[in-house]
C-alpha atoms as a PDB file:
ATOM      1  CA  MET A   1      17.158  -6.328  24.065  1.00  0.00           C
ATOM      2  CA  ILE A   2      18.414  -8.893  21.574  1.00  0.00           C
ATOM      3  CA  ILE A   3      22.210  -8.901  21.125  1.00  0.00           C
ATOM      4  CA  LYS A   4      23.848 -11.210  18.585  1.00  0.00           C
ATOM      5  CA  GLU A   5      27.535 -12.006  18.166  1.00  0.00           C
ATOM      6  CA  GLU A   6      29.304 -13.025  14.944  1.00  0.00           C
ATOM      7  CA  PHE A   7      26.116 -12.016  13.159  1.00  0.00           C
ATOM      8  CA  GLU A   8      25.607 -12.731   9.428  1.00  0.00           C
ATOM      9  CA  ILE A   9      24.551  -9.284   8.232  1.00  0.00           C
ATOM     10  CA  LYS A  10      23.899 -10.289   4.618  1.00  0.00           C
ATOM     11  CA  ASN A  11      20.381 -11.528   5.341  1.00  0.00           C
ATOM     12  CA  TYR A  12      19.503  -8.001   6.526  1.00  0.00           C
ATOM     13  CA  THR A  13      20.827  -6.157   3.469  1.00  0.00           C
ATOM     14  CA  THR A  14      18.771  -5.802   0.287  1.00  0.00           C
ATOM     15  CA  TYR A  15      21.901  -6.749  -1.711  1.00  0.00           C
ATOM     16  CA  LYS A  16      22.146 -10.020   0.279  1.00  0.00           C
ATOM     17  CA  ILE A  17      25.862  -9.276   0.621  1.00  0.00           C
ATOM     18  CA  GLY A  18      27.939  -8.891   3.787  1.00  0.00           C
ATOM     19  CA  GLY A  19      30.150 -10.872   6.140  1.00  0.00           C
ATOM     20  CA  LYS A  20      30.027 -11.396   9.888  1.00  0.00           C
ATOM     21  CA  VAL A  21      29.631  -8.502  12.304  1.00  0.00           C
ATOM     22  CA  LYS A  22      31.308  -8.843  15.684  1.00  0.00           C
ATOM     23  CA  ARG A  23      28.229  -7.696  17.628  1.00  0.00           C
ATOM     24  CA  VAL A  24      24.759  -6.490  16.622  1.00  0.00           C
ATOM     25  CA  TYR A  25      22.216  -4.818  18.920  1.00  0.00           C
ATOM     26  CA  PHE A  26      18.458  -4.646  18.285  1.00  0.00           C
ATOM     27  CA  PRO A  27      16.988  -1.930  20.567  1.00  0.00           C
ATOM     28  CA  GLU A  28      13.193  -2.061  20.879  1.00  0.00           C
ATOM     29  CA  THR A  29      12.491   1.232  22.647  1.00  0.00           C
ATOM     30  CA  GLN A  30      13.791   4.764  22.209  1.00  0.00           C
ATOM     31  CA  SER A  31      15.297   4.694  25.712  1.00  0.00           C
ATOM     32  CA  GLU A  32      17.217   1.473  24.912  1.00  0.00           C
ATOM     33  CA  PHE A  33      18.392   3.105  21.694  1.00  0.00           C
ATOM     34  CA  THR A  34      19.656   6.309  23.354  1.00  0.00           C
ATOM     35  CA  GLU A  35      21.324   4.326  26.150  1.00  0.00           C
ATOM     36  CA  LEU A  36      23.142   2.214  23.564  1.00  0.00           C
ATOM     37  CA  LEU A  37      24.261   5.299  21.652  1.00  0.00           C
ATOM     38  CA  ARG A  38      25.714   6.729  24.874  1.00  0.00           C
ATOM     39  CA  GLU A  39      27.625   3.520  25.650  1.00  0.00           C
ATOM     40  CA  LYS A  40      28.652   2.355  22.174  1.00  0.00           C
ATOM     41  CA  THR A  41      30.131   5.566  20.826  1.00  0.00           C
ATOM     42  CA  ASP A  42      31.770   3.870  17.821  1.00  0.00           C
ATOM     43  CA  ALA A  43      28.801   1.729  16.800  1.00  0.00           C
ATOM     44  CA  ILE A  44      27.495   1.978  13.235  1.00  0.00           C
ATOM     45  CA  VAL A  45      23.730   2.593  13.148  1.00  0.00           C
ATOM     46  CA  LEU A  46      21.806   1.003  10.278  1.00  0.00           C
ATOM     47  CA  GLY A  47      18.138   0.706   9.344  1.00  0.00           C
ATOM     48  CA  SER A  48      16.792  -1.274   6.391  1.00  0.00           C
ATOM     49  CA  CYS A  49      20.257  -1.611   4.798  1.00  0.00           C
ATOM     50  CA  SER A  50      18.541  -0.782   1.505  1.00  0.00           C
ATOM     51  CA  ASN A  51      21.171   1.568   0.080  1.00  0.00           C
ATOM     52  CA  ILE A  52      24.124  -0.190   1.720  1.00  0.00           C
ATOM     53  CA  LEU A  53      26.921  -2.285   0.286  1.00  0.00           C
ATOM     54  CA  PHE A  54      28.225  -4.219   3.281  1.00  0.00           C
ATOM     55  CA  SER A  55      31.711  -5.686   3.054  1.00  0.00           C
ATOM     56  CA  SER A  56      31.941  -9.421   2.443  1.00  0.00           C
ATOM     57  CA  ASP A  57      34.814  -9.272   4.928  1.00  0.00           C
ATOM     58  CA  GLY A  58      32.335  -8.216   7.610  1.00  0.00           C
ATOM     59  CA  TYR A  59      33.013  -5.719  10.366  1.00  0.00           C
ATOM     60  CA  ASP A  60      34.906  -6.229  13.615  1.00  0.00           C
ATOM     61  CA  GLY A  61      32.957  -3.646  15.585  1.00  0.00           C
ATOM     62  CA  ASP A  62      29.449  -2.959  16.897  1.00  0.00           C
ATOM     63  CA  VAL A  63      26.376  -2.374  14.750  1.00  0.00           C
ATOM     64  CA  ILE A  64      23.017  -1.119  16.012  1.00  0.00           C
ATOM     65  CA  LEU A  65      20.072  -2.153  13.823  1.00  0.00           C
ATOM     66  CA  THR A  66      16.912  -0.057  14.207  1.00  0.00           C
ATOM     67  CA  THR A  67      14.599  -2.712  12.719  1.00  0.00           C
ATOM     68  CA  GLU A  68      12.737  -3.187  16.033  1.00  0.00           C
ATOM     69  CA  LEU A  69      12.105   0.565  16.533  1.00  0.00           C
ATOM     70  CA  LYS A  70       8.749   0.307  14.804  1.00  0.00           C
ATOM     71  CA  GLN A  71       6.541   2.703  16.806  1.00  0.00           C
ATOM     72  CA  TYR A  72       4.404   5.166  14.846  1.00  0.00           C
ATOM     73  CA  GLU A  73       1.281   7.214  15.484  1.00  0.00           C
ATOM     74  CA  ILE A  74      -1.092   9.153  13.249  1.00  0.00           C
ATOM     75  CA  ARG A  75      -2.780  12.054  15.051  1.00  0.00           C
ATOM     76  CA  GLY A  76      -4.966  14.162  12.768  1.00  0.00           C
ATOM     77  CA  THR A  77      -2.654  15.288   9.945  1.00  0.00           C
ATOM     78  CA  HIS A  78       0.471  14.721  12.081  1.00  0.00           C
ATOM     79  CA  VAL A  79       2.528  11.541  11.822  1.00  0.00           C
ATOM     80  CA  TYR A  80       5.091  10.502  14.431  1.00  0.00           C
ATOM     81  CA  ALA A  81       7.507   7.707  13.490  1.00  0.00           C
ATOM     82  CA  SER A  82      10.542   6.039  15.073  1.00  0.00           C
ATOM     83  CA  ALA A  83      13.763   5.563  13.115  1.00  0.00           C
ATOM     84  CA  GLY A  84      13.066   1.945  12.165  1.00  0.00           C
ATOM     85  CA  VAL A  85       9.578   2.364  10.686  1.00  0.00           C
ATOM     86  CA  LYS A  86       9.548   1.175   7.068  1.00  0.00           C
ATOM     87  CA  GLY A  87       8.577   3.695   4.393  1.00  0.00           C
ATOM     88  CA  PRO A  88       6.110   1.434   2.517  1.00  0.00           C
ATOM     89  CA  LEU A  89       4.221   0.760   5.769  1.00  0.00           C
ATOM     90  CA  LEU A  90       3.896   4.510   6.424  1.00  0.00           C
ATOM     91  CA  ALA A  91       2.751   5.039   2.830  1.00  0.00           C
ATOM     92  CA  GLN A  92      -0.021   2.453   3.316  1.00  0.00           C
ATOM     93  CA  LYS A  93      -1.124   3.555   6.795  1.00  0.00           C
ATOM     94  CA  THR A  94      -1.245   7.264   5.948  1.00  0.00           C
ATOM     95  CA  ALA A  95      -3.180   6.476   2.755  1.00  0.00           C
ATOM     96  CA  GLU A  96      -5.731   4.551   4.847  1.00  0.00           C
ATOM     97  CA  ALA A  97      -6.011   7.649   7.081  1.00  0.00           C
ATOM     98  CA  GLY A  98      -6.740   9.854   4.045  1.00  0.00           C
ATOM     99  CA  LEU A  99      -3.377  11.628   4.195  1.00  0.00           C
ATOM    100  CA  SER A 100      -1.210  12.535   1.203  1.00  0.00           C
ATOM    101  CA  GLY A 101       2.552  13.150   1.062  1.00  0.00           C
ATOM    102  CA  PHE A 102       4.087   9.691   1.526  1.00  0.00           C
ATOM    103  CA  GLU A 103       2.895   8.072  -1.734  1.00  0.00           C
ATOM    104  CA  PHE A 104       6.459   8.068  -3.109  1.00  0.00           C
ATOM    105  CA  MET A 105       7.634   5.750  -0.295  1.00  0.00           C
ATOM    106  CA  ILE A 106       5.515   2.812  -1.424  1.00  0.00           C
ATOM    107  CA  GLY A 107       8.186   1.507  -3.766  1.00  0.00           C
ATOM    108  CA  PHE A 108      11.425   1.457  -1.820  1.00  0.00           C
ATOM    109  CA  PRO A 109      12.236  -0.453   1.339  1.00  0.00           C
ATOM    110  CA  GLY A 110      14.026   2.248   3.355  1.00  0.00           C
ATOM    111  CA  SER A 111      13.209   3.140   6.953  1.00  0.00           C
ATOM    112  CA  VAL A 112      12.550   6.613   8.374  1.00  0.00           C
ATOM    113  CA  GLY A 113      16.062   7.108   9.825  1.00  0.00           C
ATOM    114  CA  GLY A 114      17.876   6.279   6.598  1.00  0.00           C
ATOM    115  CA  ASP A 115      15.322   8.060   4.414  1.00  0.00           C
ATOM    116  CA  ILE A 116      15.736  11.326   6.357  1.00  0.00           C
ATOM    117  CA  CYS A 117      19.529  10.952   6.507  1.00  0.00           C
ATOM    118  CA  MET A 118      19.758  10.742   2.702  1.00  0.00           C
ATOM    119  CA  ASN A 119      16.661  12.883   2.013  1.00  0.00           C
ATOM    120  CA  ALA A 120      15.149  10.032   0.018  1.00  0.00           C
ATOM    121  CA  GLY A 121      12.737  10.911  -2.726  1.00  0.00           C
ATOM    122  CA  ALA A 122      11.033   9.815  -5.925  1.00  0.00           C
ATOM    123  CA  HIS A 123       8.338  11.021  -8.341  1.00  0.00           C
ATOM    124  CA  GLY A 124       8.803  14.658  -7.372  1.00  0.00           C
ATOM    125  CA  GLN A 125       8.341  14.073  -3.625  1.00  0.00           C
ATOM    126  CA  THR A 126      11.039  13.874  -0.920  1.00  0.00           C
ATOM    127  CA  ILE A 127      10.762  12.903   2.735  1.00  0.00           C
ATOM    128  CA  SER A 128      11.858  16.382   3.856  1.00  0.00           C
ATOM    129  CA  ASP A 129       8.829  17.991   2.127  1.00  0.00           C
ATOM    130  CA  LYS A 130       6.457  17.075   4.955  1.00  0.00           C
ATOM    131  CA  LEU A 131       8.923  17.000   7.851  1.00  0.00           C
ATOM    132  CA  ILE A 132       8.266  19.309  10.834  1.00  0.00           C
ATOM    133  CA  GLN A 133      10.976  18.345  13.325  1.00  0.00           C
ATOM    134  CA  VAL A 134      13.209  15.489  14.428  1.00  0.00           C
ATOM    135  CA  CYS A 135      14.446  14.054  17.703  1.00  0.00           C
ATOM    136  CA  LEU A 136      18.170  13.324  17.443  1.00  0.00           C
ATOM    137  CA  PHE A 137      20.967  11.877  19.518  1.00  0.00           C
ATOM    138  CA  ASP A 138      23.960  14.252  19.538  1.00  0.00           C
ATOM    139  CA  LYS A 139      27.111  12.121  19.689  1.00  0.00           C
ATOM    140  CA  GLU A 140      29.228  15.073  20.866  1.00  0.00           C
ATOM    141  CA  SER A 141      27.124  16.112  23.856  1.00  0.00           C
ATOM    142  CA  LYS A 142      25.612  12.607  24.314  1.00  0.00           C
ATOM    143  CA  GLU A 143      22.236  14.315  24.743  1.00  0.00           C
ATOM    144  CA  VAL A 144      18.886  14.025  22.994  1.00  0.00           C
ATOM    145  CA  VAL A 145      18.139  17.190  20.998  1.00  0.00           C
ATOM    146  CA  TYR A 146      15.292  18.437  18.804  1.00  0.00           C
ATOM    147  CA  LYS A 147      15.809  20.201  15.489  1.00  0.00           C
ATOM    148  CA  LYS A 148      13.338  21.780  13.109  1.00  0.00           C
ATOM    149  CA  LYS A 149      13.388  20.899   9.412  1.00  0.00           C
ATOM    150  CA  GLU A 150      15.022  24.264   8.575  1.00  0.00           C
ATOM    151  CA  GLU A 151      18.075  23.347  10.686  1.00  0.00           C
ATOM    152  CA  LEU A 152      18.775  20.091   8.848  1.00  0.00           C
ATOM    153  CA  ASP A 153      20.465  21.449   5.716  1.00  0.00           C
ATOM    154  CA  PHE A 154      18.375  19.416   3.256  1.00  0.00           C
ATOM    155  CA  SER A 155      19.322  19.286  -0.417  1.00  0.00           C
ATOM    156  CA  TYR A 156      19.306  16.575  -3.097  1.00  0.00           C
ATOM    157  CA  ARG A 157      20.156  13.271  -1.346  1.00  0.00           C
ATOM    158  CA  HIS A 158      21.742  15.240   1.489  1.00  0.00           C
ATOM    159  CA  SER A 159      21.060  16.249   5.089  1.00  0.00           C
ATOM    160  CA  LEU A 160      22.912  17.385   8.201  1.00  0.00           C
ATOM    161  CA  LEU A 161      22.690  13.790   9.483  1.00  0.00           C
ATOM    162  CA  GLN A 162      25.323  12.665   6.980  1.00  0.00           C
ATOM    163  CA  GLY A 163      28.002  14.482   8.985  1.00  0.00           C
ATOM    164  CA  GLY A 164      27.942  11.669  11.545  1.00  0.00           C
ATOM    165  CA  ARG A 165      27.303  13.794  14.635  1.00  0.00           C
ATOM    166  CA  TYR A 166      23.544  13.197  14.834  1.00  0.00           C
ATOM    167  CA  ILE A 167      21.501   9.974  14.842  1.00  0.00           C
ATOM    168  CA  LEU A 168      17.764  10.110  14.213  1.00  0.00           C
ATOM    169  CA  ILE A 169      15.549   8.739  17.012  1.00  0.00           C
ATOM    170  CA  HIS A 170      12.118   9.775  15.756  1.00  0.00           C
ATOM    171  CA  ALA A 171      10.484  12.307  13.455  1.00  0.00           C
ATOM    172  CA  GLU A 172       7.286  14.338  13.188  1.00  0.00           C
ATOM    173  CA  PHE A 173       5.599  15.062   9.861  1.00  0.00           C
ATOM    174  CA  GLU A 174       2.536  16.980   8.786  1.00  0.00           C
ATOM    175  CA  LEU A 175       0.673  15.552   5.798  1.00  0.00           C
ATOM    176  CA  GLU A 176      -2.343  16.855   3.893  1.00  0.00           C
ATOM    177  CA  LYS A 177      -5.888  15.564   3.800  1.00  0.00           C
ATOM    178  CA  ALA A 178      -6.837  14.245   0.370  1.00  0.00           C
ATOM    179  CA  GLN A 179      -9.402  12.048  -1.345  1.00  0.00           C
ATOM    180  CA  ALA A 180      -8.717   8.337  -0.859  1.00  0.00           C
ATOM    181  CA  GLN A 181      -9.076   7.616  -4.572  1.00  0.00           C
ATOM    182  CA  ASP A 182      -6.472  10.287  -5.458  1.00  0.00           C
ATOM    183  CA  ILE A 183      -3.971   8.973  -2.912  1.00  0.00           C
ATOM    184  CA  ASN A 184      -4.484   5.353  -3.996  1.00  0.00           C
ATOM    185  CA  ALA A 185      -4.242   6.263  -7.687  1.00  0.00           C
ATOM    186  CA  LEU A 186      -0.878   7.933  -7.046  1.00  0.00           C
ATOM    187  CA  ILE A 187       0.336   4.932  -5.029  1.00  0.00           C
ATOM    188  CA  GLU A 188      -0.690   2.539  -7.819  1.00  0.00           C
ATOM    189  CA  ARG A 189       1.012   4.746 -10.426  1.00  0.00           C
ATOM    190  CA  ASN A 190       4.234   4.758  -8.382  1.00  0.00           C
ATOM    191  CA  LYS A 191       4.079   0.976  -7.907  1.00  0.00           C
ATOM    192  CA  GLU A 192       3.553   0.429 -11.627  1.00  0.00           C
ATOM    193  CA  PHE A 193       6.430   2.752 -12.529  1.00  0.00           C
ATOM    194  CA  ARG A 194       8.799   0.938 -10.166  1.00  0.00           C
ATOM    195  CA  LYS A 195       7.692  -2.484 -11.371  1.00  0.00           C
ATOM    196  CA  ASN A 196       8.470  -1.549 -14.980  1.00  0.00           C
ATOM    197  CA  ILE A 197      11.698   0.352 -14.389  1.00  0.00           C
ATOM    198  CA  GLN A 198      13.353  -1.100 -11.295  1.00  0.00           C
ATOM    199  CA  PRO A 199      14.250  -4.600 -10.177  1.00  0.00           C
ATOM    200  CA  SER A 200      12.183  -6.072  -7.359  1.00  0.00           C
ATOM    201  CA  LEU A 201      14.030  -7.337  -4.286  1.00  0.00           C
ATOM    202  CA  ALA A 202      13.656 -10.848  -5.705  1.00  0.00           C
ATOM    203  CA  ASN A 203      16.683  -9.616  -7.695  1.00  0.00           C
ATOM    204  CA  PRO A 204      18.815  -8.400  -4.764  1.00  0.00           C
ATOM    205  CA  ASN A 205      19.805  -4.755  -5.291  1.00  0.00           C
ATOM    206  CA  ALA A 206      20.368  -1.574  -3.295  1.00  0.00           C
ATOM    207  CA  GLY A 207      18.427   0.877  -5.427  1.00  0.00           C
ATOM    208  CA  SER A 208      20.128   3.563  -7.492  1.00  0.00           C
ATOM    209  CA  VAL A 209      23.892   3.063  -7.661  1.00  0.00           C
ATOM    210  CA  PHE A 210      24.830   6.664  -8.518  1.00  0.00           C
ATOM    211  CA  LYS A 211      23.306  10.062  -7.682  1.00  0.00           C
ATOM    212  CA  ASN A 212      21.900  12.180 -10.491  1.00  0.00           C
ATOM    213  CA  PRO A 213      24.335  14.928 -11.522  1.00  0.00           C
ATOM    214  CA  GLU A 214      22.874  18.426 -11.564  1.00  0.00           C
ATOM    215  CA  ASN A 215      20.244  18.862 -14.310  1.00  0.00           C
ATOM    216  CA  ASP A 216      20.794  15.349 -15.650  1.00  0.00           C
ATOM    217  CA  SER A 217      19.981  11.713 -14.954  1.00  0.00           C
ATOM    218  CA  ALA A 218      22.612   9.142 -13.967  1.00  0.00           C
ATOM    219  CA  GLY A 219      20.444   6.452 -15.567  1.00  0.00           C
ATOM    220  CA  ARG A 220      20.363   8.306 -18.897  1.00  0.00           C
ATOM    221  CA  LEU A 221      24.135   8.851 -18.934  1.00  0.00           C
ATOM    222  CA  LEU A 222      24.852   5.238 -17.976  1.00  0.00           C
ATOM    223  CA  ASP A 223      22.421   3.968 -20.601  1.00  0.00           C
ATOM    224  CA  LYS A 224      24.024   6.105 -23.341  1.00  0.00           C
ATOM    225  CA  ALA A 225      27.448   4.891 -22.186  1.00  0.00           C
ATOM    226  CA  GLY A 226      26.303   1.319 -22.891  1.00  0.00           C
ATOM    227  CA  VAL A 227      26.585  -0.149 -19.405  1.00  0.00           C
ATOM    228  CA  LYS A 228      23.466  -2.344 -19.655  1.00  0.00           C
ATOM    229  CA  SER A 229      25.662  -4.956 -21.325  1.00  0.00           C
ATOM    230  CA  PHE A 230      28.009  -5.110 -18.299  1.00  0.00           C
ATOM    231  CA  ASP A 231      27.657  -8.622 -16.925  1.00  0.00           C
ATOM    232  CA  LEU A 232      30.081 -10.254 -14.480  1.00  0.00           C
ATOM    233  CA  PRO A 233      29.802 -13.906 -13.364  1.00  0.00           C
ATOM    234  CA  ARG A 234      28.024 -12.986 -10.100  1.00  0.00           C
ATOM    235  CA  ALA A 235      26.606  -9.487 -10.674  1.00  0.00           C
ATOM    236  CA  ARG A 236      25.245  -7.491 -13.583  1.00  0.00           C
ATOM    237  CA  VAL A 237      23.759  -4.145 -14.528  1.00  0.00           C
ATOM    238  CA  TRP A 238      19.954  -4.432 -14.574  1.00  0.00           C
ATOM    239  CA  LYS A 239      18.693  -4.825 -18.133  1.00  0.00           C
ATOM    240  CA  ASN A 240      15.732  -2.417 -17.704  1.00  0.00           C
ATOM    241  CA  HIS A 241      17.558   0.452 -15.998  1.00  0.00           C
ATOM    242  CA  ALA A 242      21.260   1.268 -16.264  1.00  0.00           C
ATOM    243  CA  ASN A 243      21.570   2.706 -12.712  1.00  0.00           C
ATOM    244  CA  PHE A 244      20.908  -0.591 -10.900  1.00  0.00           C
ATOM    245  CA  ILE A 245      23.207  -3.501 -10.124  1.00  0.00           C
ATOM    246  CA  VAL A 246      21.713  -6.906  -9.368  1.00  0.00           C
ATOM    247  CA  ASN A 247      23.340  -9.660  -7.305  1.00  0.00           C
ATOM    248  CA  LYS A 248      22.944 -12.780  -9.459  1.00  0.00           C
ATOM    249  CA  GLY A 249      23.308 -15.093  -6.482  1.00  0.00           C
ATOM    250  CA  ASP A 250      26.528 -15.137  -4.530  1.00  0.00           C
ATOM    251  CA  ALA A 251      28.149 -11.813  -5.452  1.00  0.00           C
ATOM    252  CA  THR A 252      30.717 -10.281  -3.089  1.00  0.00           C
ATOM    253  CA  SER A 253      31.170  -6.639  -2.201  1.00  0.00           C
ATOM    254  CA  GLU A 254      34.235  -6.627  -4.468  1.00  0.00           C
ATOM    255  CA  ASP A 255      32.104  -7.803  -7.415  1.00  0.00           C
ATOM    256  CA  ILE A 256      29.701  -4.887  -6.896  1.00  0.00           C
ATOM    257  CA  LEU A 257      32.528  -2.341  -6.543  1.00  0.00           C
ATOM    258  CA  THR A 258      34.225  -3.698  -9.683  1.00  0.00           C
ATOM    259  CA  LEU A 259      31.016  -3.223 -11.658  1.00  0.00           C
ATOM    260  CA  MET A 260      30.466   0.249 -10.150  1.00  0.00           C
ATOM    261  CA  VAL A 261      33.936   1.360 -11.287  1.00  0.00           C
ATOM    262  CA  MET A 262      33.292  -0.027 -14.779  1.00  0.00           C
ATOM    263  CA  MET A 263      30.062   2.032 -14.932  1.00  0.00           C
ATOM    264  CA  TYR A 264      31.760   5.110 -13.461  1.00  0.00           C
ATOM    265  CA  ASN A 265      34.599   4.903 -16.019  1.00  0.00           C
ATOM    266  CA  ALA A 266      32.189   4.398 -18.947  1.00  0.00           C
ATOM    267  CA  VAL A 267      30.408   7.694 -18.170  1.00  0.00           C
ATOM    268  CA  LYS A 268      33.627   9.528 -17.308  1.00  0.00           C
ATOM    269  CA  ASN A 269      35.294   8.465 -20.581  1.00  0.00           C
ATOM    270  CA  GLN A 270      32.303   9.355 -22.740  1.00  0.00           C
ATOM    271  CA  TYR A 271      31.031  12.528 -21.034  1.00  0.00           C
ATOM    272  CA  THR A 272      33.855  13.635 -18.667  1.00  0.00           C
ATOM    273  CA  ILE A 273      31.221  13.517 -15.894  1.00  0.00           C
ATOM    274  CA  GLU A 274      32.252  11.864 -12.642  1.00  0.00           C
ATOM    275  CA  LEU A 275      29.216  10.224 -11.063  1.00  0.00           C
ATOM    276  CA  LYS A 276      28.977  10.110  -7.261  1.00  0.00           C
ATOM    277  CA  PRO A 277      27.927   6.853  -5.554  1.00  0.00           C
ATOM    278  CA  GLU A 278      24.507   6.888  -3.900  1.00  0.00           C
ATOM    279  CA  ILE A 279      25.268   3.519  -2.304  1.00  0.00           C
ATOM    280  CA  ILE A 280      27.170   3.652   0.991  1.00  0.00           C
ATOM    281  CA  PHE A 281      29.983   1.145   1.635  1.00  0.00           C
ATOM    282  CA  ILE A 282      30.224  -0.156   5.208  1.00  0.00           C
ATOM    283  CA  GLY A 283      32.576  -2.603   6.920  1.00  0.00           C
ATOM    284  CA  ASN A 284      36.161  -3.775   6.485  1.00  0.00           C
ATOM    285  CA  LYS A 285      37.574  -2.972   3.055  1.00  0.00           C
ATOM    286  CA  THR A 286      40.182  -5.207   1.438  1.00  0.00           C
ATOM    287  CA  LYS A 287      43.114  -3.426  -0.240  1.00  0.00           C
ATOM    288  CA  LYS A 288      41.468  -3.968  -3.635  1.00  0.00           C
ATOM    289  CA  GLU A 289      38.119  -2.617  -2.381  1.00  0.00           C
ATOM    290  CA  GLU A 290      39.865   0.425  -0.933  1.00  0.00           C
ATOM    291  CA  GLU A 291      41.407   1.115  -4.376  1.00  0.00           C
ATOM    292  CA  LEU A 292      38.078   0.656  -6.171  1.00  0.00           C
ATOM    293  CA  TRP A 293      36.138   2.848  -3.731  1.00  0.00           C
ATOM    294  CA  ASN A 294      38.762   5.598  -3.875  1.00  0.00           C
ATOM    295  CA  ILE A 295      38.434   5.841  -7.663  1.00  0.00           C
ATOM    296  CA  MET A 296      34.804   6.923  -7.218  1.00  0.00           C
ATOM    297  CA  SER A 297      34.921   8.942  -4.010  1.00  0.00           C
ATOM    298  CA  HIS A 298      37.981  11.156  -4.307  1.00  0.00           C
END
């Protein structure tokens, strides 16, 4: 297993932001992964780091990256995937197998573990729709356990895994047979939509900044509140969609948080709606970052 010390995490995050991590582990098998989880009880587990804002001050603890847990298998209509398998890869491979249900994953770079944890979704599909069961590591009992979809408390951008007790090891899905041209047409439509609306990773970003409030769209509220004009020296709100922040080059985590609070306040002042961050902050917070984060997550 590869272990790296004083590791520059920023190259692994889609924001291209983050300082040095004391120690990073890259397990390659599920047994290595579970062994690590037993030993390193305080380690932070991360996947694609695609909805993460990692502190520019780094983190003086252990991080386990699941990027090498890439095993997957398609058996009939069933799909088995380890935590580190990338969503776009699964979208492509299941499409080639004539299976429908993962078309929505073509456009965002998350991995299975993170996608299930946050119940990722787009275009009317979510990852929990086709889920059958998961294999989890229980940090309390230090045992591997299996849970069915119904036990995972799924709702909008939420699952049981967010409580911190369970870490996803692998998952089983059941997709539906469909015509190749229908699946590919949906994939192309989703790609086109994302290309027009959302910044590509050539403009480093972490996807949607805020969750949609009930029966409304965070993007709509932010747009009406005029945040598309918000432009700091190193980070700005994306000009085509008000719920994205782009790193202009050498932005810090504090730059992103500053912009997030400006956006949050704009909507709060105009609509008295308090948006909730969809992005997760990880690592050492400075005093200023602590203040900024607390404004949005009280």
